Amino acid sequence: MLHMMDLPALALIVLAAAVSLWPLIDCVRTPADRVRFVPKLLWVLFLLNGSLFAALVWFYFGKKPTAGDGNGPVQPTGPFAPAR
């Protein structure tokens, strides 16, 4: 039975699992030409370590930024974008 004292621990476990899985899925879905420094397989093995450090390294150094990342305003696209 789950006690009230176990809920914070359970929340931390779920958070740790999400922080470990999100970069791994992102790495697998990233095209190989956007992966930096080492081959994609080595990134996956590094991320399977499951540490917060590995996740941060992936997001800061693992993939090349796209044209829409970082600088400049975001241009809306899709059916509700204003006509130019």
Protein backbone atom coordinates (compact mmCIF):
# COMPACT_ATOMS: atom_id res chain seq x y z
CA MET A 1 0.00 0.00 0.00
CA LEU A 2 1.25 3.48 -0.85
CA HIS A 3 1.62 5.81 2.12
CA MET A 4 1.65 9.60 2.04
CA MET A 5 5.34 9.60 2.96
CA ASP A 6 6.09 7.54 -0.16
CA LEU A 7 4.58 10.08 -2.60
CA PRO A 8 7.57 12.47 -2.70
CA ALA A 9 9.92 9.55 -3.27
CA LEU A 10 7.67 8.22 -6.01
CA ALA A 11 7.54 11.65 -7.64
CA LEU A 12 11.34 11.86 -7.62
CA ILE A 13 11.62 8.40 -9.18
CA VAL A 14 9.19 9.35 -11.95
CA LEU A 15 11.04 12.62 -12.53
CA ALA A 16 14.41 10.84 -12.69
CA ALA A 17 13.02 8.31 -15.17
CA ALA A 18 11.63 11.09 -17.38
CA VAL A 19 14.91 13.04 -17.26
CA SER A 20 16.75 9.86 -18.28
CA LEU A 21 14.38 8.77 -21.04
CA TRP A 22 13.70 12.11 -22.74
CA PRO A 23 17.29 12.70 -23.96
CA LEU A 24 17.63 9.06 -24.98
CA ILE A 25 14.51 9.27 -27.16
CA ASP A 26 15.67 12.63 -28.51
CA CYS A 27 19.05 11.16 -29.43
CA VAL A 28 17.53 8.16 -31.20
CA ARG A 29 15.17 10.42 -33.20
CA THR A 30 17.88 12.96 -34.14
CA PRO A 31 19.29 12.48 -37.66
CA ALA A 32 22.90 11.29 -37.69
CA ASP A 33 24.07 14.40 -39.56
CA ARG A 34 22.99 16.64 -36.62
CA VAL A 35 24.91 14.65 -33.98
CA ARG A 36 28.18 16.27 -32.90
CA PHE A 37 31.58 15.08 -31.61
CA VAL A 38 31.06 11.30 -31.46
CA PRO A 39 28.94 8.78 -33.41
CA LYS A 40 25.30 8.46 -32.50
CA LEU A 41 25.77 4.96 -31.06
CA LEU A 42 28.25 6.29 -28.50
CA TRP A 43 25.77 9.00 -27.49
CA VAL A 44 23.09 6.35 -26.99
CA LEU A 45 25.42 4.24 -24.86
CA PHE A 46 26.39 7.33 -22.84
CA LEU A 47 22.71 8.20 -22.30
CA LEU A 48 21.88 4.64 -21.28
CA ASN A 49 24.02 5.40 -18.25
CA GLY A 50 20.92 7.26 -17.14
CA SER A 51 22.52 10.08 -15.22
CA LEU A 52 21.41 13.68 -15.12
CA PHE A 53 24.92 14.64 -16.23
CA ALA A 54 24.57 12.56 -19.41
CA ALA A 55 21.24 14.25 -20.20
CA LEU A 56 22.70 17.73 -19.74
CA VAL A 57 25.73 16.91 -21.88
CA TRP A 58 23.46 15.66 -24.67
CA PHE A 59 21.30 18.78 -24.70
CA TYR A 60 24.25 21.19 -24.57
CA PHE A 61 26.80 19.42 -26.78
CA GLY A 62 25.14 16.46 -28.49
CA LYS A 63 23.34 17.90 -31.48
CA LYS A 64 23.85 20.79 -33.84
CA PRO A 65 21.31 23.59 -33.56
CA THR A 66 18.79 24.02 -36.35
CA ALA A 67 18.18 27.28 -38.17
CA GLY A 68 15.24 28.05 -35.86
CA ASP A 69 17.14 27.48 -32.60
CA GLY A 70 18.37 30.40 -30.59
CA ASN A 71 18.71 33.66 -32.45
CA GLY A 72 15.84 35.72 -33.76
CA PRO A 73 12.11 35.68 -33.29
CA VAL A 74 10.07 32.58 -33.98
CA GLN A 75 7.99 32.84 -37.11
CA PRO A 76 4.55 31.22 -36.75
CA THR A 77 3.63 28.62 -39.34
CA GLY A 78 0.58 26.53 -40.02
CA PRO A 79 -3.06 27.26 -40.72
CA PHE A 80 -3.28 30.11 -38.18
CA ALA A 81 -0.15 31.99 -39.24
CA PRO A 82 -0.73 35.56 -40.40
CA ALA A 83 -0.47 36.09 -44.16
CA ARG A 84 2.51 38.08 -45.35
